[in-house]
Amino acid sequence: MKTNLINKCAAVLLISLCCNASLSAEAYVNDQKIESFKAKDQYDVAYEFKPELMSYLLVSHDMDTGKKANAVLTTLGKDYLSNHKAAYLANIHGMPGIGRMFAIPKMKKYAHRIILGDDAALIAKFPEEVGKVTVIAISGGKVKSIAYWSPGETTLEDLLK
């Protein structure tokens, strides 16, 4: 009986460790190939990110930074991101259902597309600096450079050249 309980506990621990290892993917670095991914936008429309067709990917990791980024992107206009071959990914993984009931309708008010990152393994691939939007420059489907944008404090235009 005792051995059976120990074996079950060991199995649960092993499964937990494997799950955590898969979620702790290494963040992208320069010259690394970026994987394509599929997600939905704020309008519940399917989107496929194809890095070989893009020049930039902006990633906000938290709600406050995302709000600031959305405010700036709104002032830059609906076509600013597409004109720069850029996409904007907002981390919503971990956002509780009640939060989503309020946040996603607010996101629908923005004219620019917001890709909803609802997968912990996907979000873990993007490096992060607290309070900043990660800006990944892409060339040939690979990371050309990684920079960090402080919406409202620094300009995005200097990073998307």
N, C-alpha and C. Protein backbone atom coordinates (compact mmCIF):
# COMPACT_ATOMS: atom_id res chain seq x y z
N MET A 1 0.83 -1.20 0.00
CA MET A 1 0.00 0.00 0.00
C MET A 1 0.87 1.25 0.00
N LYS A 2 1.89 1.27 0.89
CA LYS A 2 2.76 2.42 1.00
C LYS A 2 3.57 2.60 -0.29
N THR A 3 4.05 1.49 -0.86
CA THR A 3 4.82 1.53 -2.10
C THR A 3 3.97 2.05 -3.24
N ASN A 4 2.72 1.63 -3.30
CA ASN A 4 1.80 2.07 -4.33
C ASN A 4 1.59 3.59 -4.26
N LEU A 5 1.42 4.12 -3.06
CA LEU A 5 1.24 5.55 -2.85
C LEU A 5 2.49 6.32 -3.28
N ILE A 6 3.65 5.79 -2.92
CA ILE A 6 4.92 6.43 -3.31
C ILE A 6 5.06 6.44 -4.83
N ASN A 7 4.72 5.36 -5.48
CA ASN A 7 4.80 5.28 -6.95
C ASN A 7 3.85 6.29 -7.60
N LYS A 8 2.66 6.42 -7.06
CA LYS A 8 1.69 7.39 -7.61
C LYS A 8 2.20 8.82 -7.42
N CYS A 9 2.75 9.11 -6.25
CA CYS A 9 3.29 10.45 -6.00
C CYS A 9 4.46 10.74 -6.94
N ALA A 10 5.31 9.76 -7.14
CA ALA A 10 6.45 9.93 -8.05
C ALA A 10 5.97 10.19 -9.47
N ALA A 11 4.92 9.48 -9.88
CA ALA A 11 4.38 9.67 -11.23
C ALA A 11 3.80 11.07 -11.39
N VAL A 12 3.08 11.54 -10.39
CA VAL A 12 2.51 12.89 -10.43
C VAL A 12 3.63 13.92 -10.50
N LEU A 13 4.67 13.75 -9.71
CA LEU A 13 5.80 14.66 -9.71
C LEU A 13 6.49 14.67 -11.06
N LEU A 14 6.69 13.51 -11.64
CA LEU A 14 7.32 13.42 -12.96
C LEU A 14 6.50 14.11 -14.03
N ILE A 15 5.21 13.91 -14.00
CA ILE A 15 4.32 14.56 -14.97
C ILE A 15 4.38 16.07 -14.80
N SER A 16 4.35 16.53 -13.55
CA SER A 16 4.43 17.97 -13.28
C SER A 16 5.73 18.56 -13.81
N LEU A 17 6.83 17.88 -13.57
CA LEU A 17 8.12 18.37 -14.04
C LEU A 17 8.17 18.43 -15.57
N CYS A 18 7.62 17.42 -16.22
CA CYS A 18 7.60 17.42 -17.69
C CYS A 18 6.75 18.56 -18.23
N CYS A 19 5.60 18.80 -17.62
CA CYS A 19 4.73 19.90 -18.05
C CYS A 19 5.42 21.23 -17.87
N ASN A 20 6.05 21.44 -16.73
CA ASN A 20 6.76 22.69 -16.47
C ASN A 20 7.92 22.88 -17.43
N ALA A 21 8.62 21.81 -17.77
CA ALA A 21 9.73 21.91 -18.69
C ALA A 21 9.25 22.34 -20.07
N SER A 22 8.09 21.85 -20.49
CA SER A 22 7.60 22.23 -21.81
C SER A 22 7.15 23.69 -21.82
N LEU A 23 6.72 24.22 -20.67
CA LEU A 23 6.29 25.61 -20.61
C LEU A 23 7.47 26.57 -20.48
N SER A 24 8.61 26.07 -20.07
CA SER A 24 9.75 26.95 -19.88
C SER A 24 10.65 26.92 -21.11
N ALA A 25 10.06 27.12 -22.26
CA ALA A 25 10.81 27.16 -23.51
C ALA A 25 11.80 28.32 -23.48
N GLU A 26 12.92 28.10 -24.12
CA GLU A 26 13.92 29.16 -24.19
C GLU A 26 13.41 30.29 -25.06
N ALA A 27 13.67 31.51 -24.64
CA ALA A 27 13.26 32.68 -25.41
C ALA A 27 14.13 32.81 -26.66
N TYR A 28 13.55 33.39 -27.71
CA TYR A 28 14.27 33.60 -28.95
C TYR A 28 15.50 34.47 -28.74
N VAL A 29 16.53 34.21 -29.54
CA VAL A 29 17.76 34.99 -29.56
C VAL A 29 18.09 35.34 -31.00
N ASN A 30 19.02 36.26 -31.19
CA ASN A 30 19.43 36.68 -32.54
C ASN A 30 19.82 35.48 -33.40
N ASP A 31 19.43 35.57 -34.68
CA ASP A 31 19.72 34.56 -35.71
C ASP A 31 18.93 33.26 -35.55
N GLN A 32 18.03 33.19 -34.57
CA GLN A 32 17.22 31.99 -34.40
C GLN A 32 15.99 32.07 -35.29
N LYS A 33 15.63 30.95 -35.88
CA LYS A 33 14.43 30.87 -36.72
C LYS A 33 13.20 31.01 -35.83
N ILE A 34 12.28 31.86 -36.26
CA ILE A 34 11.02 32.05 -35.53
C ILE A 34 9.99 31.09 -36.09
N GLU A 35 9.29 30.42 -35.23
CA GLU A 35 8.26 29.47 -35.66
C GLU A 35 6.97 30.20 -36.02
N SER A 36 6.30 29.70 -37.04
CA SER A 36 4.96 30.20 -37.36
C SER A 36 4.03 29.82 -36.21
N PHE A 37 2.96 30.58 -36.04
CA PHE A 37 1.97 30.20 -35.04
C PHE A 37 0.60 30.69 -35.49
N LYS A 38 -0.41 30.05 -34.93
CA LYS A 38 -1.79 30.43 -35.21
C LYS A 38 -2.44 30.89 -33.92
N ALA A 39 -3.26 31.91 -34.04
CA ALA A 39 -4.01 32.45 -32.89
C ALA A 39 -5.22 33.19 -33.44
N LYS A 40 -6.01 33.74 -32.57
CA LYS A 40 -7.14 34.56 -32.98
C LYS A 40 -6.87 36.00 -32.60
N ASP A 41 -7.53 36.90 -33.31
CA ASP A 41 -7.39 38.32 -32.97
C ASP A 41 -8.56 38.74 -32.07
N GLN A 42 -8.61 40.03 -31.78
CA GLN A 42 -9.63 40.52 -30.85
C GLN A 42 -11.05 40.38 -31.40
N TYR A 43 -11.18 40.12 -32.70
CA TYR A 43 -12.50 39.93 -33.31
C TYR A 43 -12.84 38.45 -33.46
N ASP A 44 -12.01 37.58 -32.85
CA ASP A 44 -12.17 36.13 -32.92
C ASP A 44 -11.92 35.60 -34.34
N VAL A 45 -11.11 36.31 -35.11
CA VAL A 45 -10.76 35.90 -36.47
C VAL A 45 -9.41 35.18 -36.41
N ALA A 46 -9.34 34.05 -37.08
CA ALA A 46 -8.10 33.27 -37.12
C ALA A 46 -6.99 34.06 -37.79
N TYR A 47 -5.79 33.92 -37.26
CA TYR A 47 -4.62 34.61 -37.79
C TYR A 47 -3.45 33.63 -37.77
N GLU A 48 -2.66 33.66 -38.82
CA GLU A 48 -1.44 32.85 -38.85
C GLU A 48 -0.25 33.77 -39.03
N PHE A 49 0.65 33.74 -38.08
CA PHE A 49 1.88 34.52 -38.15
C PHE A 49 2.89 33.72 -38.95
N LYS A 50 3.32 34.31 -40.07
CA LYS A 50 4.31 33.68 -40.94
C LYS A 50 5.55 34.57 -40.92
N PRO A 51 6.58 34.20 -40.15
CA PRO A 51 7.73 35.09 -39.96
C PRO A 51 8.47 35.43 -41.25
N GLU A 52 8.42 34.56 -42.21
CA GLU A 52 9.12 34.85 -43.47
C GLU A 52 8.48 36.00 -44.25
N LEU A 53 7.26 36.36 -43.90
CA LEU A 53 6.55 37.45 -44.57
C LEU A 53 6.54 38.74 -43.75
N MET A 54 7.12 38.68 -42.55
CA MET A 54 7.04 39.82 -41.63
C MET A 54 8.42 40.44 -41.40
N SER A 55 8.40 41.71 -40.99
CA SER A 55 9.63 42.41 -40.63
C SER A 55 9.74 42.63 -39.12
N TYR A 56 8.58 42.66 -38.43
CA TYR A 56 8.59 42.94 -36.99
C TYR A 56 7.46 42.19 -36.29
N LEU A 57 7.73 41.84 -35.04
CA LEU A 57 6.70 41.33 -34.16
C LEU A 57 6.82 42.07 -32.84
N LEU A 58 5.72 42.69 -32.43
CA LEU A 58 5.66 43.39 -31.15
C LEU A 58 4.89 42.49 -30.18
N VAL A 59 5.42 42.34 -28.97
CA VAL A 59 4.79 41.47 -27.98
C VAL A 59 4.65 42.23 -26.66
N SER A 60 3.41 42.40 -26.20
CA SER A 60 3.20 42.97 -24.86
C SER A 60 2.92 41.81 -23.93
N HIS A 61 3.58 41.83 -22.78
CA HIS A 61 3.50 40.72 -21.84
C HIS A 61 2.52 40.95 -20.70
N ASP A 62 2.09 42.19 -20.49
CA ASP A 62 1.18 42.46 -19.38
C ASP A 62 0.13 43.49 -19.81
N MET A 63 -0.95 43.54 -19.04
CA MET A 63 -2.09 44.37 -19.41
C MET A 63 -1.77 45.87 -19.42
N ASP A 64 -1.05 46.35 -18.42
CA ASP A 64 -0.76 47.79 -18.36
C ASP A 64 0.08 48.24 -19.55
N THR A 65 1.11 47.47 -19.87
CA THR A 65 1.95 47.81 -21.01
C THR A 65 1.14 47.71 -22.30
N GLY A 66 0.28 46.70 -22.37
CA GLY A 66 -0.57 46.53 -23.54
C GLY A 66 -1.50 47.71 -23.76
N LYS A 67 -2.06 48.24 -22.68
CA LYS A 67 -2.94 49.41 -22.79
C LYS A 67 -2.18 50.62 -23.34
N LYS A 68 -0.96 50.82 -22.84
CA LYS A 68 -0.14 51.93 -23.32
C LYS A 68 0.22 51.74 -24.79
N ALA A 69 0.57 50.51 -25.17
CA ALA A 69 0.91 50.22 -26.56
C ALA A 69 -0.29 50.46 -27.47
N ASN A 70 -1.45 50.01 -27.04
CA ASN A 70 -2.67 50.20 -27.85
C ASN A 70 -2.98 51.68 -28.03
N ALA A 71 -2.77 52.47 -27.00
CA ALA A 71 -3.02 53.92 -27.10
C ALA A 71 -2.10 54.53 -28.16
N VAL A 72 -0.83 54.17 -28.14
CA VAL A 72 0.12 54.72 -29.12
C VAL A 72 -0.21 54.20 -30.52
N LEU A 73 -0.46 52.90 -30.65
CA LEU A 73 -0.77 52.32 -31.96
C LEU A 73 -2.03 52.96 -32.56
N THR A 74 -2.96 53.32 -31.72
CA THR A 74 -4.17 53.99 -32.19
C THR A 74 -3.83 55.34 -32.83
N THR A 75 -2.94 56.09 -32.19
CA THR A 75 -2.56 57.40 -32.74
C THR A 75 -1.78 57.25 -34.05
N LEU A 76 -1.10 56.12 -34.23
CA LEU A 76 -0.31 55.90 -35.45
C LEU A 76 -1.18 55.48 -36.63
N GLY A 77 -2.39 55.06 -36.36
CA GLY A 77 -3.33 54.73 -37.43
C GLY A 77 -3.49 53.24 -37.69
N LYS A 78 -4.62 52.92 -38.26
CA LYS A 78 -5.03 51.54 -38.51
C LYS A 78 -4.02 50.74 -39.33
N ASP A 79 -3.40 51.36 -40.31
CA ASP A 79 -2.52 50.64 -41.24
C ASP A 79 -1.04 50.71 -40.86
N TYR A 80 -0.72 51.33 -39.75
CA TYR A 80 0.68 51.51 -39.38
C TYR A 80 1.41 50.16 -39.29
N LEU A 81 0.85 49.21 -38.59
CA LEU A 81 1.51 47.92 -38.43
C LEU A 81 1.65 47.20 -39.77
N SER A 82 0.58 47.11 -40.53
CA SER A 82 0.66 46.40 -41.81
C SER A 82 1.60 47.09 -42.78
N ASN A 83 1.66 48.42 -42.75
CA ASN A 83 2.60 49.16 -43.62
C ASN A 83 4.06 48.88 -43.26
N HIS A 84 4.31 48.47 -42.04
CA HIS A 84 5.66 48.15 -41.60
C HIS A 84 5.90 46.63 -41.54
N LYS A 85 4.99 45.86 -42.12
CA LYS A 85 5.06 44.39 -42.06
C LYS A 85 5.27 43.94 -40.62
N ALA A 86 4.43 44.49 -39.74
CA ALA A 86 4.53 44.20 -38.32
C ALA A 86 3.23 43.61 -37.80
N ALA A 87 3.34 42.82 -36.76
CA ALA A 87 2.17 42.26 -36.08
C ALA A 87 2.33 42.55 -34.59
N TYR A 88 1.19 42.63 -33.91
CA TYR A 88 1.17 42.93 -32.47
C TYR A 88 0.49 41.79 -31.73
N LEU A 89 1.23 41.16 -30.82
CA LEU A 89 0.75 40.03 -30.04
C LEU A 89 0.60 40.46 -28.58
N ALA A 90 -0.58 40.29 -28.03
CA ALA A 90 -0.83 40.64 -26.63
C ALA A 90 -1.01 39.37 -25.82
N ASN A 91 -0.27 39.26 -24.74
CA ASN A 91 -0.36 38.11 -23.86
C ASN A 91 -1.66 38.18 -23.06
N ILE A 92 -2.54 37.21 -23.29
CA ILE A 92 -3.77 37.14 -22.48
C ILE A 92 -3.80 35.83 -21.69
N HIS A 93 -2.72 35.05 -21.82
CA HIS A 93 -2.66 33.78 -21.08
C HIS A 93 -2.69 34.08 -19.59
N GLY A 94 -3.48 33.37 -18.89
CA GLY A 94 -3.59 33.58 -17.45
C GLY A 94 -4.63 34.62 -17.06
N MET A 95 -5.16 35.33 -18.05
CA MET A 95 -6.21 36.31 -17.74
C MET A 95 -7.49 35.54 -17.38
N PRO A 96 -8.04 35.80 -16.21
CA PRO A 96 -9.26 35.07 -15.83
C PRO A 96 -10.44 35.41 -16.75
N GLY A 97 -11.38 34.50 -16.79
CA GLY A 97 -12.55 34.67 -17.64
C GLY A 97 -13.29 35.98 -17.42
N ILE A 98 -13.41 36.37 -16.17
CA ILE A 98 -14.11 37.63 -15.88
C ILE A 98 -13.34 38.81 -16.46
N GLY A 99 -12.02 38.75 -16.42
CA GLY A 99 -11.18 39.80 -17.01
C GLY A 99 -11.35 39.86 -18.51
N ARG A 100 -11.44 38.70 -19.14
CA ARG A 100 -11.61 38.64 -20.59
C ARG A 100 -12.95 39.24 -21.02
N MET A 101 -13.96 39.06 -20.16
CA MET A 101 -15.29 39.60 -20.49
C MET A 101 -15.24 41.12 -20.65
N PHE A 102 -14.30 41.76 -19.98
CA PHE A 102 -14.18 43.21 -20.07
C PHE A 102 -13.07 43.63 -21.04
N ALA A 103 -11.95 42.90 -21.03
CA ALA A 103 -10.78 43.30 -21.82
C ALA A 103 -10.99 43.13 -23.33
N ILE A 104 -11.53 42.00 -23.74
CA ILE A 104 -11.64 41.74 -25.18
C ILE A 104 -12.63 42.70 -25.86
N PRO A 105 -13.78 43.00 -25.28
CA PRO A 105 -14.63 44.02 -25.91
C PRO A 105 -13.94 45.38 -26.03
N LYS A 106 -13.11 45.74 -25.05
CA LYS A 106 -12.36 46.99 -25.13
C LYS A 106 -11.35 46.93 -26.28
N MET A 107 -10.74 45.76 -26.47
CA MET A 107 -9.77 45.59 -27.56
C MET A 107 -10.43 45.76 -28.93
N LYS A 108 -11.71 45.42 -29.01
CA LYS A 108 -12.41 45.53 -30.29
C LYS A 108 -12.59 46.98 -30.72
N LYS A 109 -12.38 47.91 -29.82
CA LYS A 109 -12.49 49.32 -30.16
C LYS A 109 -11.26 49.83 -30.90
N TYR A 110 -10.17 49.07 -30.84
CA TYR A 110 -8.95 49.49 -31.54
C TYR A 110 -9.01 49.08 -33.00
N ALA A 111 -8.58 49.96 -33.88
CA ALA A 111 -8.62 49.68 -35.31
C ALA A 111 -7.52 48.72 -35.74
N HIS A 112 -6.39 48.73 -35.03
CA HIS A 112 -5.28 47.83 -35.39
C HIS A 112 -5.57 46.42 -34.87
N ARG A 113 -4.99 45.44 -35.55
CA ARG A 113 -5.20 44.04 -35.17
C ARG A 113 -4.36 43.72 -33.95
N ILE A 114 -5.00 43.04 -32.99
CA ILE A 114 -4.33 42.56 -31.80
C ILE A 114 -4.44 41.04 -31.81
N ILE A 115 -3.31 40.38 -31.95
CA ILE A 115 -3.30 38.92 -31.91
C ILE A 115 -3.29 38.52 -30.43
N LEU A 116 -4.18 37.62 -30.07
CA LEU A 116 -4.34 37.24 -28.67
C LEU A 116 -3.48 36.01 -28.36
N GLY A 117 -2.45 36.22 -27.56
CA GLY A 117 -1.54 35.15 -27.17
C GLY A 117 -2.07 34.44 -25.93
N ASP A 118 -2.74 33.32 -26.16
CA ASP A 118 -3.39 32.61 -25.06
C ASP A 118 -2.71 31.27 -24.78
N ASP A 119 -1.46 31.14 -25.19
CA ASP A 119 -0.73 29.89 -25.04
C ASP A 119 0.57 30.19 -24.30
N ALA A 120 0.71 29.63 -23.11
CA ALA A 120 1.89 29.90 -22.27
C ALA A 120 3.18 29.53 -22.98
N ALA A 121 3.18 28.41 -23.70
CA ALA A 121 4.40 27.98 -24.40
C ALA A 121 4.77 28.97 -25.50
N LEU A 122 3.79 29.53 -26.18
CA LEU A 122 4.05 30.52 -27.23
C LEU A 122 4.63 31.79 -26.60
N ILE A 123 3.99 32.30 -25.58
CA ILE A 123 4.43 33.55 -24.93
C ILE A 123 5.83 33.40 -24.35
N ALA A 124 6.15 32.22 -23.83
CA ALA A 124 7.47 31.99 -23.22
C ALA A 124 8.61 32.13 -24.21
N LYS A 125 8.31 32.04 -25.50
CA LYS A 125 9.36 32.12 -26.53
C LYS A 125 9.85 33.55 -26.76
N PHE A 126 9.12 34.52 -26.24
CA PHE A 126 9.47 35.91 -26.49
C PHE A 126 10.11 36.53 -25.26
N PRO A 127 11.33 37.06 -25.43
CA PRO A 127 12.01 37.67 -24.28
C PRO A 127 11.18 38.83 -23.74
N GLU A 128 11.44 39.17 -22.48
CA GLU A 128 10.61 40.19 -21.82
C GLU A 128 11.45 41.09 -20.93
N GLU A 129 11.12 42.36 -20.97
CA GLU A 129 11.59 43.32 -19.98
C GLU A 129 10.33 43.91 -19.36
N VAL A 130 10.26 43.92 -18.07
CA VAL A 130 9.07 44.37 -17.36
C VAL A 130 8.70 45.79 -17.78
N GLY A 131 7.42 45.97 -18.11
CA GLY A 131 6.90 47.30 -18.46
C GLY A 131 7.22 47.74 -19.87
N LYS A 132 7.74 46.83 -20.70
CA LYS A 132 8.11 47.20 -22.07
C LYS A 132 7.54 46.19 -23.05
N VAL A 133 7.35 46.66 -24.28
CA VAL A 133 6.92 45.80 -25.37
C VAL A 133 8.17 45.26 -26.06
N THR A 134 8.21 43.96 -26.24
CA THR A 134 9.33 43.34 -26.96
C THR A 134 9.12 43.60 -28.45
N VAL A 135 10.16 44.11 -29.11
CA VAL A 135 10.10 44.37 -30.55
C VAL A 135 11.16 43.50 -31.22
N ILE A 136 10.69 42.51 -31.96
CA ILE A 136 11.60 41.59 -32.63
C ILE A 136 11.65 41.97 -34.10
N ALA A 137 12.84 42.34 -34.56
CA ALA A 137 13.05 42.61 -35.99
C ALA A 137 13.35 41.25 -36.64
N ILE A 138 12.72 41.03 -37.79
CA ILE A 138 12.79 39.73 -38.46
C ILE A 138 13.35 39.91 -39.87
N SER A 139 14.22 39.00 -40.25
CA SER A 139 14.75 38.99 -41.61
C SER A 139 14.89 37.53 -42.04
N GLY A 140 14.26 37.20 -43.15
CA GLY A 140 14.32 35.83 -43.64
C GLY A 140 13.76 34.81 -42.66
N GLY A 141 12.79 35.21 -41.85
CA GLY A 141 12.17 34.29 -40.90
C GLY A 141 12.96 34.08 -39.63
N LYS A 142 14.06 34.84 -39.48
CA LYS A 142 14.91 34.71 -38.28
C LYS A 142 14.95 36.02 -37.50
N VAL A 143 15.30 35.90 -36.23
CA VAL A 143 15.45 37.07 -35.38
C VAL A 143 16.67 37.85 -35.85
N LYS A 144 16.42 39.09 -36.28
CA LYS A 144 17.51 39.98 -36.68
C LYS A 144 18.02 40.75 -35.47
N SER A 145 17.08 41.23 -34.65
CA SER A 145 17.44 41.92 -33.41
C SER A 145 16.24 41.94 -32.47
N ILE A 146 16.54 42.18 -31.20
CA ILE A 146 15.50 42.29 -30.18
C ILE A 146 15.70 43.61 -29.46
N ALA A 147 14.63 44.38 -29.39
CA ALA A 147 14.67 45.67 -28.69
C ALA A 147 13.44 45.75 -27.79
N TYR A 148 13.42 46.76 -26.96
CA TYR A 148 12.30 46.93 -26.02
C TYR A 148 11.79 48.36 -26.12
N TRP A 149 10.47 48.48 -26.24
CA TRP A 149 9.80 49.76 -26.42
C TRP A 149 8.99 50.09 -25.17
N SER A 150 9.16 51.31 -24.70
CA SER A 150 8.37 51.81 -23.57
C SER A 150 7.30 52.73 -24.14
N PRO A 151 6.09 52.20 -24.38
CA PRO A 151 5.04 53.01 -24.99
C PRO A 151 4.74 54.27 -24.17
N GLY A 152 4.68 55.40 -24.87
CA GLY A 152 4.40 56.65 -24.20
C GLY A 152 5.66 57.35 -23.71
N GLU A 153 6.77 56.63 -23.65
CA GLU A 153 8.03 57.21 -23.21
C GLU A 153 9.04 57.32 -24.35
N THR A 154 9.07 56.30 -25.20
CA THR A 154 9.96 56.31 -26.36
C THR A 154 9.12 56.08 -27.61
N THR A 155 9.64 56.47 -28.76
CA THR A 155 8.87 56.33 -29.99
C THR A 155 9.08 54.96 -30.62
N LEU A 156 8.04 54.45 -31.20
CA LEU A 156 8.09 53.18 -31.90
C LEU A 156 8.76 53.34 -33.26
N GLU A 157 8.59 54.50 -33.87
CA GLU A 157 9.10 54.73 -35.21
C GLU A 157 10.60 54.46 -35.32
N ASP A 158 11.36 54.77 -34.27
CA ASP A 158 12.80 54.55 -34.30
C ASP A 158 13.14 53.05 -34.33
N LEU A 159 12.26 52.22 -33.80
CA LEU A 159 12.52 50.78 -33.76
C LEU A 159 12.06 50.06 -35.03
N LEU A 160 11.15 50.66 -35.76
CA LEU A 160 10.61 50.01 -36.98
C LEU A 160 11.18 50.68 -38.23
N LYS A 161 12.48 50.75 -38.32
CA LYS A 161 13.14 51.34 -39.50
C LYS A 161 13.75 50.29 -40.36
